[in-house]
Amino acid sequence: MSETGINRLEWWKEAVIYQVYPSSFLDTKGSGWGDIKGITSKLDYLKELGIDIVWVSPIYKSPQADMGYDIADYKAIDPIYGTIEDVDELMAELKKRGMKLMMDLVVNHTSEMHAWFLESRSSLTNPKRDWYIWKPPKYAPDGTPQPPNNWCQILGEANSAWNYDETTKEYCLALFTPNQPDLNWENPDVRAAVHDVMHFWLKRGACGYRMDVINLISKDQGFPDADIVLPDHKYQSGRKFYNNGPRLHEFLQEINREVLSKYGAITVGEMPGISDVDEVLKAVGANRGELDMIFIFDIVDIDNIPGLFRFTLQKWDVREIQRIVNKWQRAMIEHDGWNSVFIENHDNPRSVSRYVDDSDEFRERGAKLLALMQTTLAGTLFVYQGEEIGMRNFPESWDPDVEYKDIEAINFWKKNNTMYPNDPSKLSEARQVLQRKARDHSRTPVQWSSSPNAGFCAPNVKPWMRINDDYREINAEAQMKANASDNLSVWQFWQRGLKHRKEHKDVFVYGDFQLLDSNNDQIFAYSRTGAQAGSWIVVLNFTGSTQEWEVSNQVSLESWMAGNYTAGKPDKKTSGKITLKPWEGLLGKCA
């Protein structure tokens, strides 16, 4: 039998990767801002949880216009986080524990303060002028300069993606914010400079990269106007002209050939807006020579209105989760690719608030249900900081003008106040959208303990962002120490799930996946089958009410092995109809 994605063993497929958003992880310097030494100090915590790789969001020198995703120097560490020696220490301490460091590579754009851009904008004839994307203006009838096309900013859709430069009288493309000009990947010197940066960190000891919006690096060189989808908006999304552009795969293969292949580096590409199986497989197919895996956004876009901006809300039910998970589990098994498994990161709200019920009554059950789902799906598993304790969104009562720090949320709130200044219902609706979907919710400081400031920083220090008010009840220290006779804390449930996943990796990492009961709009059930440990089933009640479910005649169930309502084996029938409590999840072993 030839090797495929489900039986070609790789260390990085079995690894559990933990994302650290450094500003919110742990402050050891008294600045109110998380730092590198804070990460190092918690490595034993992460090791005990079951983590193998620590992915750190950008810690490079940056003006912090987009929380470090605007990089001014790829080879320097921002003083707010520490020094390059602190990174060396972090890697050394990881190595002692058999762990690794993954860096965040942000090369679709730089900061406007990067030396490359300062040169580029200085004159039309500077050698680095075409390191960025400059275009002459169009002109209005009155002679005022206008952007070259109607593309909007990704993090501020009311604004143009082009910035006018008074010195050289041209526009520069900056898809995300005015502070983040896009690099011109058509220029081989740019690509060589990016390769040099990648070599720098891999030689220093990084095991690989998470590659930020990597599918945006190739643009349609005609830069045509976008279709008008929102008539009440001056600028429109140009995504079809830069998502997976014409030379993307050429550029990715070049990166692999010139850099990654020389180190055996692990890669995960962030690729928003792409849901076509064939296109994804071009990037992650085992023999393509591009990336190991990507973040597929379908599950975190589940409540977006298709074709509109991210700050929209649509209703969904569990059949959508069934469809999405089944699509990508089967695609990678059948076509020799590889998945990432995730539902949280720094760009999305908290999963317990999004997919289940974050009320005091059901938050813990819902968080465990999501943990059970993720620890039993095929692919490389990613856990986001605070997810392991079931951190939730902060309340709608928080003032958007004061508490929200993210540029995307600030721009959205500003847009709505400009468009609907005298419409309380529209502004209330905007607040609801922010409370449900703002990136800020995943960026509140980690709740380490019930002590002042949740143990994130000293009691007399003001944290850079307000700490969620529930930290006295929801924190890592309490959950690690929990000793209820028949109930695991969320942290303990994650720890057990990760251990079980590794013990039965032939099933849960590499095994076959089959959807069960696909027409059920309340329960998500599936089977996993491995070469050594046989078949298992997972049953997840994605509702806040009691449900009945009939054990499928497709499986012969031997016993229920785990669930989110008990620390031991659930006492349930193994055939016929069973009763599932609200948000109950079960893991069963087949005969």
Protein backbone atom coordinates (compact mmCIF):
# COMPACT_ATOMS: atom_id res chain seq x y z
CA MET A 1 0.00 0.00 0.00
CA SER A 2 1.41 3.39 -0.96
CA GLU A 3 1.75 6.07 1.69
CA THR A 4 -0.94 8.76 1.92
CA GLY A 5 -1.67 11.63 4.26
CA ILE A 6 -3.25 9.30 6.82
CA ASN A 7 -0.40 6.81 7.07
CA ARG A 8 2.69 8.88 6.25
CA LEU A 9 3.94 9.54 9.78
CA GLU A 10 5.50 12.94 10.56
CA TRP A 11 6.43 14.45 13.91
CA TRP A 12 4.67 17.72 13.11
CA LYS A 13 1.40 15.96 12.33
CA GLU A 14 1.32 14.52 15.85
CA ALA A 15 2.45 17.74 17.56
CA VAL A 16 0.12 19.95 19.57
CA ILE A 17 0.82 23.63 18.89
CA TYR A 18 -0.05 26.36 21.39
CA GLN A 19 -0.41 29.92 20.17
CA VAL A 20 0.91 32.67 22.42
CA TYR A 21 -0.31 36.21 21.83
CA PRO A 22 2.61 37.77 23.68
CA SER A 23 1.18 41.11 24.77
CA SER A 24 -1.56 39.28 26.69
CA PHE A 25 0.29 36.21 27.96
CA LEU A 26 2.30 37.23 31.03
CA ASP A 27 4.07 40.43 32.13
CA THR A 28 7.27 39.93 34.12
CA LYS A 29 8.73 43.44 33.73
CA GLY A 30 5.99 45.55 35.28
CA SER A 31 5.03 47.23 32.01
CA GLY A 32 1.47 45.91 31.83
CA TRP A 33 2.47 44.26 28.57
CA GLY A 34 3.32 40.56 28.20
CA ASP A 35 6.93 39.70 27.39
CA ILE A 36 9.23 36.89 26.26
CA LYS A 37 10.42 36.02 29.75
CA GLY A 38 6.76 35.57 30.66
CA ILE A 39 6.49 32.87 28.00
CA THR A 40 9.64 31.16 29.24
CA SER A 41 8.35 31.17 32.80
CA LYS A 42 5.25 29.20 31.78
CA LEU A 43 6.91 26.42 29.76
CA ASP A 44 6.40 23.87 32.54
CA TYR A 45 2.71 24.79 32.54
CA LEU A 46 2.51 24.20 28.79
CA LYS A 47 4.50 20.97 28.98
CA GLU A 48 2.17 19.65 31.68
CA LEU A 49 -0.84 20.52 29.53
CA GLY A 50 0.57 18.46 26.66
CA ILE A 51 2.05 21.07 24.31
CA ASP A 52 4.90 20.29 21.87
CA ILE A 53 5.37 23.52 19.91
CA VAL A 54 4.90 27.12 21.03
CA TRP A 55 3.88 29.49 18.24
CA VAL A 56 4.52 33.09 19.23
CA SER A 57 2.70 35.89 17.42
CA PRO A 58 5.05 38.67 16.23
CA ILE A 59 7.60 39.93 18.75
CA TYR A 60 9.69 41.84 16.19
CA LYS A 61 10.38 45.56 16.31
CA SER A 62 7.12 47.31 15.52
CA PRO A 63 5.20 50.57 16.05
CA GLN A 64 2.29 48.30 17.11
CA ALA A 65 -0.28 49.83 14.76
CA ASP A 66 -1.68 46.29 14.34
CA MET A 67 -0.29 44.65 17.47
CA GLY A 68 3.03 43.66 15.94
CA TYR A 69 1.73 42.57 12.54
CA ASP A 70 3.30 45.80 11.25
CA ILE A 71 6.97 44.90 11.36
CA ALA A 72 9.73 47.51 11.24
CA ASP A 73 12.67 45.10 11.52
CA TYR A 74 12.38 41.34 11.02
CA LYS A 75 15.67 40.59 12.73
CA ALA A 76 15.19 42.70 15.86
CA ILE A 77 12.97 42.15 18.91
CA ASP A 78 10.73 44.95 20.08
CA PRO A 79 11.97 46.24 23.45
CA ILE A 80 8.45 46.01 24.83
CA TYR A 81 8.82 42.21 24.63
CA GLY A 82 12.51 41.91 25.52
CA THR A 83 15.70 41.13 23.60
CA ILE A 84 16.97 38.65 21.07
CA GLU A 85 18.88 37.05 23.94
CA ASP A 86 15.51 36.44 25.61
CA VAL A 87 14.42 34.57 22.47
CA ASP A 88 17.59 32.49 22.56
CA GLU A 89 16.86 31.65 26.20
CA LEU A 90 13.27 30.74 25.31
CA MET A 91 14.47 28.35 22.59
CA ALA A 92 17.04 26.81 24.92
CA GLU A 93 14.46 26.22 27.64
CA LEU A 94 12.03 24.76 25.12
CA LYS A 95 14.71 22.38 23.90
CA LYS A 96 15.36 21.19 27.48
CA ARG A 97 11.73 20.14 27.65
CA GLY A 98 11.64 18.50 24.23
CA MET A 99 9.60 21.39 22.82
CA LYS A 100 10.07 23.75 19.87
CA LEU A 101 9.44 27.37 18.85
CA MET A 102 7.42 28.42 15.81
CA MET A 103 7.80 32.01 14.64
CA ASP A 104 5.18 34.18 12.94
CA LEU A 105 6.17 35.26 9.42
CA VAL A 106 4.43 38.44 8.22
CA VAL A 107 5.65 39.20 4.72
CA ASN A 108 2.63 40.29 2.72
CA HIS A 109 3.36 43.73 4.17
CA THR A 110 5.72 45.57 6.49
CA SER A 111 5.38 48.55 8.76
CA GLU A 112 5.52 51.98 7.15
CA MET A 113 8.51 52.49 9.47
CA HIS A 114 10.53 49.61 8.01
CA ALA A 115 13.81 50.79 6.47
CA TRP A 116 12.76 49.25 3.16
CA PHE A 117 9.65 51.41 2.99
CA LEU A 118 11.36 54.56 4.21
CA GLU A 119 13.69 54.20 1.24
CA SER A 120 10.90 53.26 -1.14
CA ARG A 121 8.80 56.31 -0.38
CA SER A 122 11.73 58.73 -0.43
CA SER A 123 11.74 59.25 -4.22
CA LEU A 124 10.50 57.86 -7.51
CA THR A 125 14.04 56.79 -8.39
CA ASN A 126 15.09 55.10 -5.17
CA PRO A 127 16.39 51.54 -5.80
CA LYS A 128 13.74 50.18 -3.42
CA ARG A 129 10.87 52.09 -5.04
CA ASP A 130 9.46 48.93 -6.59
CA TRP A 131 9.81 46.92 -3.39
CA TYR A 132 6.26 48.15 -2.72
CA ILE A 133 3.22 48.66 -4.95
CA TRP A 134 3.06 52.25 -6.14
CA LYS A 135 0.59 53.56 -8.73
CA PRO A 136 -0.16 57.01 -10.17
CA PRO A 137 -3.49 58.52 -9.13
CA LYS A 138 -6.66 58.88 -11.07
CA TYR A 139 -8.06 62.40 -10.99
CA ALA A 140 -11.47 63.76 -10.10
CA PRO A 141 -13.04 66.41 -12.39
CA ASP A 142 -11.77 69.08 -10.01
CA GLY A 143 -8.22 67.74 -10.33
CA THR A 144 -7.94 66.13 -6.89
CA PRO A 145 -6.04 62.82 -6.85
CA GLN A 146 -8.08 59.63 -6.42
CA PRO A 147 -7.04 56.05 -5.64
CA PRO A 148 -6.04 53.82 -8.57
CA ASN A 149 -9.02 51.53 -7.92
CA ASN A 150 -11.95 51.06 -5.52
CA TRP A 151 -10.45 48.42 -3.21
CA CYS A 152 -11.19 48.88 0.48
CA GLN A 153 -8.98 48.23 3.48
CA ILE A 154 -9.40 44.78 5.02
CA LEU A 155 -9.41 46.15 8.58
CA GLY A 156 -11.41 49.26 7.74
CA GLU A 157 -13.81 48.75 4.86
CA ALA A 158 -14.94 52.39 4.88
CA ASN A 159 -11.45 53.41 3.74
CA SER A 160 -9.44 53.00 0.57
CA ALA A 161 -6.68 50.39 0.47
CA TRP A 162 -4.46 53.01 -1.19
CA ASN A 163 -2.53 55.78 0.59
CA TYR A 164 -1.53 58.97 -1.17
CA ASP A 165 2.05 60.10 -0.72
CA GLU A 166 2.46 63.86 -1.00
CA THR A 167 6.20 63.65 -1.63
CA THR A 168 6.11 61.49 -4.74
CA LYS A 169 2.48 62.16 -5.75
CA GLU A 170 1.64 58.45 -6.04
CA TYR A 171 -0.53 55.95 -4.17
CA CYS A 172 0.83 52.96 -2.28
CA LEU A 173 -1.22 49.80 -1.71
CA ALA A 174 -1.79 48.93 1.96
CA LEU A 175 -4.52 46.30 2.14
CA PHE A 176 -4.81 46.10 5.92
CA THR A 177 -4.18 49.55 7.38
CA PRO A 178 -2.39 52.70 6.14
CA ASN A 179 0.51 51.69 8.39
CA GLN A 180 1.08 48.36 6.62
CA PRO A 181 2.17 48.84 2.98
CA ASP A 182 2.12 45.69 0.85
CA LEU A 183 5.39 44.30 -0.45
CA ASN A 184 5.74 43.83 -4.20
CA TRP A 185 6.37 40.11 -4.56
CA GLU A 186 6.79 40.49 -8.31
CA ASN A 187 10.24 41.88 -7.49
CA PRO A 188 12.82 39.06 -7.07
CA ASP A 189 14.85 41.25 -4.71
CA VAL A 190 11.87 41.34 -2.33
CA ARG A 191 11.56 37.58 -2.41
CA ALA A 192 15.29 37.16 -1.79
CA ALA A 193 15.05 39.50 1.21
CA VAL A 194 12.16 37.47 2.62
CA HIS A 195 14.14 34.26 2.16
CA ASP A 196 17.02 35.86 4.04
CA VAL A 197 14.74 36.68 6.99
CA MET A 198 13.47 33.10 7.05
CA HIS A 199 17.00 31.70 7.04
CA PHE A 200 17.89 34.00 9.94
CA TRP A 201 15.35 32.56 12.39
CA LEU A 202 15.62 28.95 11.23
CA LYS A 203 19.39 29.05 11.69
CA ARG A 204 18.82 30.51 15.14
CA GLY A 205 16.69 27.53 16.15
CA ALA A 206 13.06 28.11 15.15
CA CYS A 207 11.33 24.95 13.93
CA GLY A 208 9.20 26.70 11.33
CA TYR A 209 6.64 29.39 10.59
CA ARG A 210 3.04 30.33 10.78
CA MET A 211 2.75 32.41 7.61
CA ASP A 212 0.45 35.41 7.93
CA VAL A 213 -2.08 35.96 5.08
CA ILE A 214 0.37 34.23 2.80
CA ASN A 215 -2.21 33.74 0.06
CA LEU A 216 -2.34 37.53 -0.52
CA ILE A 217 1.23 37.92 -1.74
CA SER A 218 0.39 37.61 -5.46
CA LYS A 219 -1.89 40.31 -6.86
CA ASP A 220 -3.62 40.63 -10.21
CA GLN A 221 -1.21 43.04 -11.88
CA GLY A 222 -4.03 44.81 -13.70
CA PHE A 223 -5.36 46.05 -10.32
CA PRO A 224 -8.93 46.28 -11.68
CA ASP A 225 -11.87 47.77 -9.82
CA ALA A 226 -13.75 45.39 -7.53
CA ASP A 227 -17.39 44.51 -8.13
CA ILE A 228 -19.83 46.75 -6.28
CA VAL A 229 -21.39 44.50 -3.67
CA LEU A 230 -22.31 47.19 -1.12
CA PRO A 231 -23.73 50.23 -2.94
CA ASP A 232 -23.72 52.30 0.26
CA HIS A 233 -19.94 51.85 0.59
CA LYS A 234 -17.55 53.91 -1.51
CA TYR A 235 -14.91 51.19 -1.47
CA GLN A 236 -15.38 47.48 -2.12
CA SER A 237 -13.56 44.25 -1.33
CA GLY A 238 -10.93 43.43 -3.94
CA ARG A 239 -10.29 39.95 -2.58
CA LYS A 240 -10.88 38.14 -5.86
CA PHE A 241 -7.89 40.03 -7.28
CA TYR A 242 -5.44 39.09 -4.52
CA ASN A 243 -6.71 35.95 -2.74
CA ASN A 244 -4.59 33.12 -4.18
CA GLY A 245 -3.31 35.32 -6.98
CA PRO A 246 -1.76 34.14 -10.25
CA ARG A 247 1.80 33.51 -8.97
CA LEU A 248 1.05 32.36 -5.42
CA HIS A 249 2.02 28.72 -5.89
CA GLU A 250 5.15 29.67 -7.80
CA PHE A 251 6.20 31.88 -4.87
CA LEU A 252 5.40 29.19 -2.27
CA GLN A 253 7.35 26.56 -4.16
CA GLU A 254 10.29 28.94 -4.37
CA ILE A 255 10.17 29.49 -0.58
CA ASN A 256 10.11 25.75 -0.01
CA ARG A 257 12.94 25.10 -2.46
CA GLU A 258 15.20 27.95 -1.35
CA VAL A 259 14.56 27.89 2.39
CA LEU A 260 12.19 25.42 4.05
CA SER A 261 13.49 22.21 2.48
CA LYS A 262 16.96 22.93 3.84
CA TYR A 263 15.75 22.71 7.46
CA GLY A 264 12.80 20.31 7.47
CA ALA A 265 10.82 23.28 8.77
CA ILE A 266 7.14 23.05 9.69
CA THR A 267 4.77 25.50 7.99
CA VAL A 268 1.16 26.50 8.40
CA GLY A 269 -0.21 29.13 6.05
CA GLU A 270 -2.96 31.54 6.94
CA MET A 271 -5.18 31.59 3.84
CA PRO A 272 -8.42 33.53 4.38
CA GLY A 273 -11.19 33.48 1.81
CA ILE A 274 -10.27 30.18 0.15
CA SER A 275 -12.63 27.21 0.44
CA ASP A 276 -12.09 25.36 -2.83
CA VAL A 277 -10.66 21.90 -2.22
CA ASP A 278 -8.55 21.80 -5.38
CA GLU A 279 -7.03 25.21 -4.68
CA VAL A 280 -6.21 24.30 -1.07
CA LEU A 281 -4.64 21.03 -2.15
CA LYS A 282 -2.31 22.94 -4.44
CA ALA A 283 -0.81 24.43 -1.28
CA VAL A 284 -0.86 21.40 1.04
CA GLY A 285 -0.74 18.35 -1.20
CA ALA A 286 2.04 16.05 0.02
CA ASN A 287 3.92 16.18 -3.27
CA ARG A 288 3.36 19.86 -4.09
CA GLY A 289 6.45 21.20 -2.35
CA GLU A 290 4.67 24.20 -0.84
CA LEU A 291 3.26 24.14 2.73
CA ASP A 292 2.57 21.43 5.31
CA MET A 293 -0.93 22.72 6.09
CA ILE A 294 -3.01 25.88 6.13
CA PHE A 295 -5.65 27.43 8.33
CA ILE A 296 -8.93 26.89 6.49
CA PHE A 297 -11.34 29.60 7.56
CA ASP A 298 -14.68 27.91 6.91
CA ILE A 299 -15.38 27.11 10.56
CA VAL A 300 -14.42 30.58 11.83
CA ASP A 301 -16.44 32.20 9.04
CA ILE A 302 -19.53 30.18 9.93
CA ASP A 303 -21.47 33.19 11.22
CA ASN A 304 -20.38 35.60 8.45
CA ILE A 305 -22.88 36.64 5.80
CA PRO A 306 -21.30 35.28 2.58
CA GLY A 307 -19.82 37.92 0.34
CA LEU A 308 -19.93 40.66 2.98
CA PHE A 309 -17.45 41.82 5.60
CA ARG A 310 -16.43 39.85 8.69
CA PHE A 311 -18.42 42.06 11.04
CA THR A 312 -21.75 40.53 10.05
CA LEU A 313 -23.91 37.90 11.73
CA GLN A 314 -25.90 35.04 10.29
CA LYS A 315 -27.58 32.13 12.05
CA TRP A 316 -26.22 28.62 11.66
CA ASP A 317 -26.85 25.17 13.10
CA VAL A 318 -24.76 22.08 13.68
CA ARG A 319 -25.29 20.86 10.11
CA GLU A 320 -22.90 23.58 9.00
CA ILE A 321 -20.23 22.26 11.38
CA GLN A 322 -20.93 18.74 10.10
CA ARG A 323 -20.57 19.90 6.49
CA ILE A 324 -17.36 21.85 7.08
CA VAL A 325 -15.60 19.23 9.18
CA ASN A 326 -16.65 16.35 6.94
CA LYS A 327 -15.56 18.25 3.81
CA TRP A 328 -12.02 18.87 5.01
CA GLN A 329 -11.49 15.63 6.91
CA ARG A 330 -12.47 13.61 3.83
CA ALA A 331 -10.60 15.89 1.39
CA MET A 332 -7.24 15.41 3.09
CA ILE A 333 -7.73 11.66 3.58
CA GLU A 334 -8.73 11.12 -0.04
CA HIS A 335 -6.28 13.51 -1.69
CA ASP A 336 -3.12 13.17 0.40
CA GLY A 337 -3.12 16.56 2.08
CA TRP A 338 -3.07 17.62 5.72
CA ASN A 339 -5.36 19.66 7.98
CA SER A 340 -4.83 22.06 10.81
CA VAL A 341 -7.42 21.70 13.58
CA PHE A 342 -8.43 24.94 15.31
CA ILE A 343 -11.42 27.08 16.26
CA GLU A 344 -9.67 29.91 18.13
CA ASN A 345 -6.85 32.34 17.47
CA HIS A 346 -5.96 35.99 17.98
CA ASP A 347 -8.20 37.07 15.08
CA ASN A 348 -11.42 35.50 16.35
CA PRO A 349 -13.67 35.70 19.39
CA ARG A 350 -13.64 33.06 22.08
CA SER A 351 -14.99 29.71 20.87
CA VAL A 352 -17.11 29.04 23.96
CA SER A 353 -18.97 32.30 23.27
CA ARG A 354 -19.29 31.61 19.55
CA TYR A 355 -20.22 27.95 19.13
CA VAL A 356 -21.79 26.91 22.43
CA ASP A 357 -23.16 28.67 25.53
CA ASP A 358 -20.82 30.81 27.63
CA SER A 359 -23.30 31.31 30.48
CA ASP A 360 -22.19 30.42 33.98
CA GLU A 361 -24.46 27.38 33.81
CA PHE A 362 -23.05 25.88 30.62
CA ARG A 363 -19.68 27.51 29.85
CA GLU A 364 -17.68 24.62 31.31
CA ARG A 365 -19.73 21.93 29.50
CA GLY A 366 -19.51 23.81 26.22
CA ALA A 367 -15.76 24.35 26.48
CA LYS A 368 -15.25 20.64 27.12
CA LEU A 369 -17.51 19.70 24.22
CA LEU A 370 -15.35 21.79 21.89
CA ALA A 371 -12.20 20.26 23.37
CA LEU A 372 -13.57 16.77 22.79
CA MET A 373 -14.32 17.62 19.18
CA GLN A 374 -10.89 19.10 18.47
CA THR A 375 -8.85 16.40 20.21
CA THR A 376 -10.57 13.72 18.13
CA LEU A 377 -10.21 15.24 14.63
CA ALA A 378 -7.46 14.43 12.13
CA GLY A 379 -4.79 17.05 11.56
CA THR A 380 -2.26 19.05 13.53
CA LEU A 381 -4.00 20.51 16.57
CA PHE A 382 -3.68 24.19 17.54
CA VAL A 383 -4.71 25.50 20.96
CA TYR A 384 -4.97 29.23 21.59
CA GLN A 385 -3.94 30.75 24.91
CA GLY A 386 -6.82 30.73 27.39
CA GLU A 387 -8.83 28.25 25.34
CA GLU A 388 -7.61 25.50 27.66
CA ILE A 389 -9.47 27.14 30.57
CA GLY A 390 -12.57 28.14 28.63
CA MET A 391 -12.02 31.91 28.60
CA ARG A 392 -15.01 33.74 27.15
CA ASN A 393 -15.88 37.05 25.46
CA PHE A 394 -16.15 40.12 27.64
CA PRO A 395 -19.67 41.56 28.08
CA GLU A 396 -21.53 43.93 25.77
CA SER A 397 -21.58 46.51 28.56
CA TRP A 398 -17.91 47.34 27.96
CA ASP A 399 -17.68 50.75 26.29
CA PRO A 400 -16.49 50.45 22.64
CA ASP A 401 -14.90 53.90 22.87
CA VAL A 402 -12.77 52.87 25.83
CA GLU A 403 -12.19 49.13 26.06
CA TYR A 404 -11.77 47.99 22.46
CA LYS A 405 -8.14 48.30 21.36
CA ASP A 406 -8.05 46.51 18.00
CA ILE A 407 -7.86 48.65 14.86
CA GLU A 408 -10.53 46.55 13.12
CA ALA A 409 -13.05 47.08 15.92
CA ILE A 410 -12.17 50.76 16.24
CA ASN A 411 -12.70 51.30 12.50
CA PHE A 412 -15.99 49.37 12.53
CA TRP A 413 -17.35 51.39 15.45
CA LYS A 414 -16.19 54.64 13.85
CA LYS A 415 -17.84 53.69 10.55
CA ASN A 416 -21.17 52.97 12.22
CA ASN A 417 -21.09 56.20 14.23
CA THR A 418 -20.37 58.10 11.00
CA MET A 419 -23.07 56.36 8.98
CA TYR A 420 -25.78 56.17 11.67
CA PRO A 421 -25.09 58.94 14.23
CA ASN A 422 -28.77 59.39 15.09
CA ASP A 423 -29.92 55.78 14.85
CA PRO A 424 -29.76 54.08 18.27
CA SER A 425 -30.97 50.77 16.85
CA LYS A 426 -28.12 50.63 14.31
CA LEU A 427 -25.55 51.51 16.94
CA SER A 428 -27.00 48.89 19.28
CA GLU A 429 -26.74 46.35 16.49
CA ALA A 430 -23.11 47.35 15.92
CA ARG A 431 -22.36 46.84 19.63
CA GLN A 432 -23.89 43.38 19.45
CA VAL A 433 -21.70 42.51 16.48
CA LEU A 434 -18.61 43.73 18.35
CA GLN A 435 -19.55 41.70 21.41
CA ARG A 436 -19.94 38.58 19.30
CA LYS A 437 -17.06 38.89 16.84
CA ALA A 438 -14.39 41.45 17.75
CA ARG A 439 -10.81 40.21 17.83
CA ASP A 440 -10.40 41.99 21.17
CA HIS A 441 -12.15 39.12 22.98
CA SER A 442 -9.25 36.76 22.33
CA ARG A 443 -6.74 39.40 23.36
CA THR A 444 -7.72 40.09 26.96
CA PRO A 445 -4.89 39.04 29.29
CA VAL A 446 -4.64 35.38 30.23
CA GLN A 447 -6.36 34.64 33.53
CA TRP A 448 -3.68 32.85 35.52
CA SER A 449 -5.15 33.16 39.00
CA SER A 450 -7.75 34.88 41.15
CA SER A 451 -5.18 37.36 42.46
CA PRO A 452 -5.36 41.05 41.40
CA ASN A 453 -4.95 41.51 37.65
CA ALA A 454 -5.53 37.76 37.27
CA GLY A 455 -1.82 37.12 37.87
CA PHE A 456 -1.06 38.60 34.44
CA CYS A 457 0.85 41.52 35.91
CA ALA A 458 1.66 42.91 39.34
CA PRO A 459 -1.27 44.29 41.38
CA ASN A 460 0.05 47.86 41.14
CA VAL A 461 0.48 47.72 37.34
CA LYS A 462 -2.21 48.71 34.84
CA PRO A 463 -2.53 46.03 32.11
CA TRP A 464 -2.47 47.25 28.51
CA MET A 465 -5.99 45.90 28.08
CA ARG A 466 -8.74 45.41 30.61
CA ILE A 467 -8.87 41.93 32.13
CA ASN A 468 -12.17 40.11 31.84
CA ASP A 469 -14.15 40.57 35.03
CA ASP A 470 -14.71 36.83 35.49
CA TYR A 471 -11.07 35.99 36.27
CA ARG A 472 -11.79 35.19 39.93
CA GLU A 473 -13.98 32.29 38.81
CA ILE A 474 -12.21 31.34 35.57
CA ASN A 475 -8.43 30.97 35.92
CA ALA A 476 -5.69 28.45 35.29
CA GLU A 477 -4.56 28.04 38.90
CA ALA A 478 -7.99 27.01 40.16
CA GLN A 479 -8.56 24.64 37.27
CA MET A 480 -5.22 22.89 37.62
CA LYS A 481 -5.89 22.33 41.33
CA ALA A 482 -9.51 21.25 40.92
CA ASN A 483 -10.18 17.98 42.73
CA ALA A 484 -13.92 17.32 42.36
CA SER A 485 -14.62 13.63 42.76
CA ASP A 486 -16.47 13.21 39.49
CA ASN A 487 -15.77 16.31 37.43
CA LEU A 488 -12.73 17.54 35.56
CA SER A 489 -12.05 21.24 35.10
CA VAL A 490 -11.78 22.51 31.52
CA TRP A 491 -7.97 22.52 31.86
CA GLN A 492 -7.92 18.95 33.18
CA PHE A 493 -10.28 17.85 30.41
CA TRP A 494 -7.96 19.33 27.78
CA GLN A 495 -4.94 17.70 29.43
CA ARG A 496 -6.61 14.29 29.43
CA GLY A 497 -7.84 14.73 25.86
CA LEU A 498 -4.37 15.63 24.56
CA LYS A 499 -2.83 12.66 26.36
CA HIS A 500 -5.45 10.30 24.95
CA ARG A 501 -4.97 11.74 21.45
CA LYS A 502 -1.26 10.98 21.56
CA GLU A 503 -1.78 7.50 23.00
CA HIS A 504 -4.14 6.66 20.14
CA LYS A 505 -2.58 8.75 17.39
CA ASP A 506 -3.29 6.04 14.82
CA VAL A 507 -6.99 6.85 15.36
CA PHE A 508 -7.22 10.53 16.20
CA VAL A 509 -4.29 11.97 14.24
CA TYR A 510 -4.01 9.60 11.27
CA GLY A 511 -7.23 7.60 11.26
CA ASP A 512 -10.19 7.46 8.92
CA PHE A 513 -13.16 9.78 9.45
CA GLN A 514 -16.80 9.01 8.72
CA LEU A 515 -19.75 11.29 9.41
CA LEU A 516 -22.70 9.69 11.20
CA ASP A 517 -26.32 10.93 11.16
CA SER A 518 -25.65 13.73 8.67
CA ASN A 519 -29.21 15.09 8.64
CA ASN A 520 -29.33 15.76 12.36
CA ASP A 521 -29.56 19.51 13.03
CA GLN A 522 -28.78 19.18 16.74
CA ILE A 523 -26.12 16.49 17.12
CA PHE A 524 -22.73 16.10 15.44
CA ALA A 525 -21.60 12.48 15.42
CA TYR A 526 -18.70 10.80 13.65
CA SER A 527 -16.44 7.78 13.78
CA ARG A 528 -12.63 7.57 13.73
CA THR A 529 -10.82 4.37 12.82
CA GLY A 530 -7.15 3.52 13.21
CA ALA A 531 -4.90 0.64 12.28
CA GLN A 532 -4.12 -0.41 15.85
CA ALA A 533 -6.78 0.98 18.18
CA GLY A 534 -9.81 0.20 16.05
CA SER A 535 -12.93 2.34 15.75
CA TRP A 536 -14.27 5.05 18.07
CA ILE A 537 -17.29 7.31 17.89
CA VAL A 538 -17.79 10.89 19.02
CA VAL A 539 -21.28 12.26 19.76
CA LEU A 540 -21.73 15.99 20.43
CA ASN A 541 -25.01 17.63 21.42
CA PHE A 542 -24.68 21.16 20.02
CA THR A 543 -27.81 22.42 21.79
CA GLY A 544 -28.73 23.74 25.22
CA SER A 545 -31.54 21.20 25.61
CA THR A 546 -31.83 17.48 26.30
CA GLN A 547 -31.75 15.38 23.12
CA GLU A 548 -32.27 11.75 22.24
CA TRP A 549 -29.88 10.02 19.86
CA GLU A 550 -29.98 6.51 18.52
CA VAL A 551 -26.67 4.70 18.45
CA SER A 552 -26.02 4.16 14.78
CA ASN A 553 -26.35 0.66 13.42
CA GLN A 554 -23.21 1.48 11.46
CA VAL A 555 -21.18 0.88 14.61
CA SER A 556 -20.97 -1.79 17.27
CA LEU A 557 -20.33 0.11 20.48
CA GLU A 558 -18.39 -1.64 23.23
CA SER A 559 -18.46 1.10 25.88
CA TRP A 560 -18.52 4.84 26.46
CA MET A 561 -15.01 5.87 27.49
CA ALA A 562 -15.25 9.59 28.25
CA GLY A 563 -17.67 12.49 28.40
CA ASN A 564 -17.88 16.08 29.55
CA TYR A 565 -20.31 15.48 32.42
CA THR A 566 -18.20 13.04 34.41
CA ALA A 567 -14.55 12.36 35.17
CA GLY A 568 -15.02 8.64 34.66
CA LYS A 569 -16.78 6.56 32.06
CA PRO A 570 -20.30 7.80 31.26
CA ASP A 571 -23.11 5.51 32.34
CA LYS A 572 -24.99 5.23 29.05
CA LYS A 573 -26.53 2.45 27.02
CA THR A 574 -24.40 1.17 24.14
CA SER A 575 -27.31 0.50 21.78
CA GLY A 576 -30.70 1.95 21.03
CA LYS A 577 -31.68 5.45 22.08
CA ILE A 578 -29.58 7.38 24.57
CA THR A 579 -30.32 10.68 26.27
CA LEU A 580 -27.86 13.53 25.90
CA LYS A 581 -27.86 16.40 28.36
CA PRO A 582 -27.42 20.02 27.17
CA TRP A 583 -24.05 20.44 25.45
CA GLU A 584 -23.08 16.88 26.31
CA GLY A 585 -20.25 15.18 24.44
CA LEU A 586 -19.36 11.48 24.48
CA LEU A 587 -16.44 9.38 23.27
CA GLY A 588 -17.10 5.69 22.71
CA LYS A 589 -14.97 2.64 21.85
CA CYS A 590 -16.32 0.23 19.30
CA ALA A 591 -16.09 -3.54 19.59
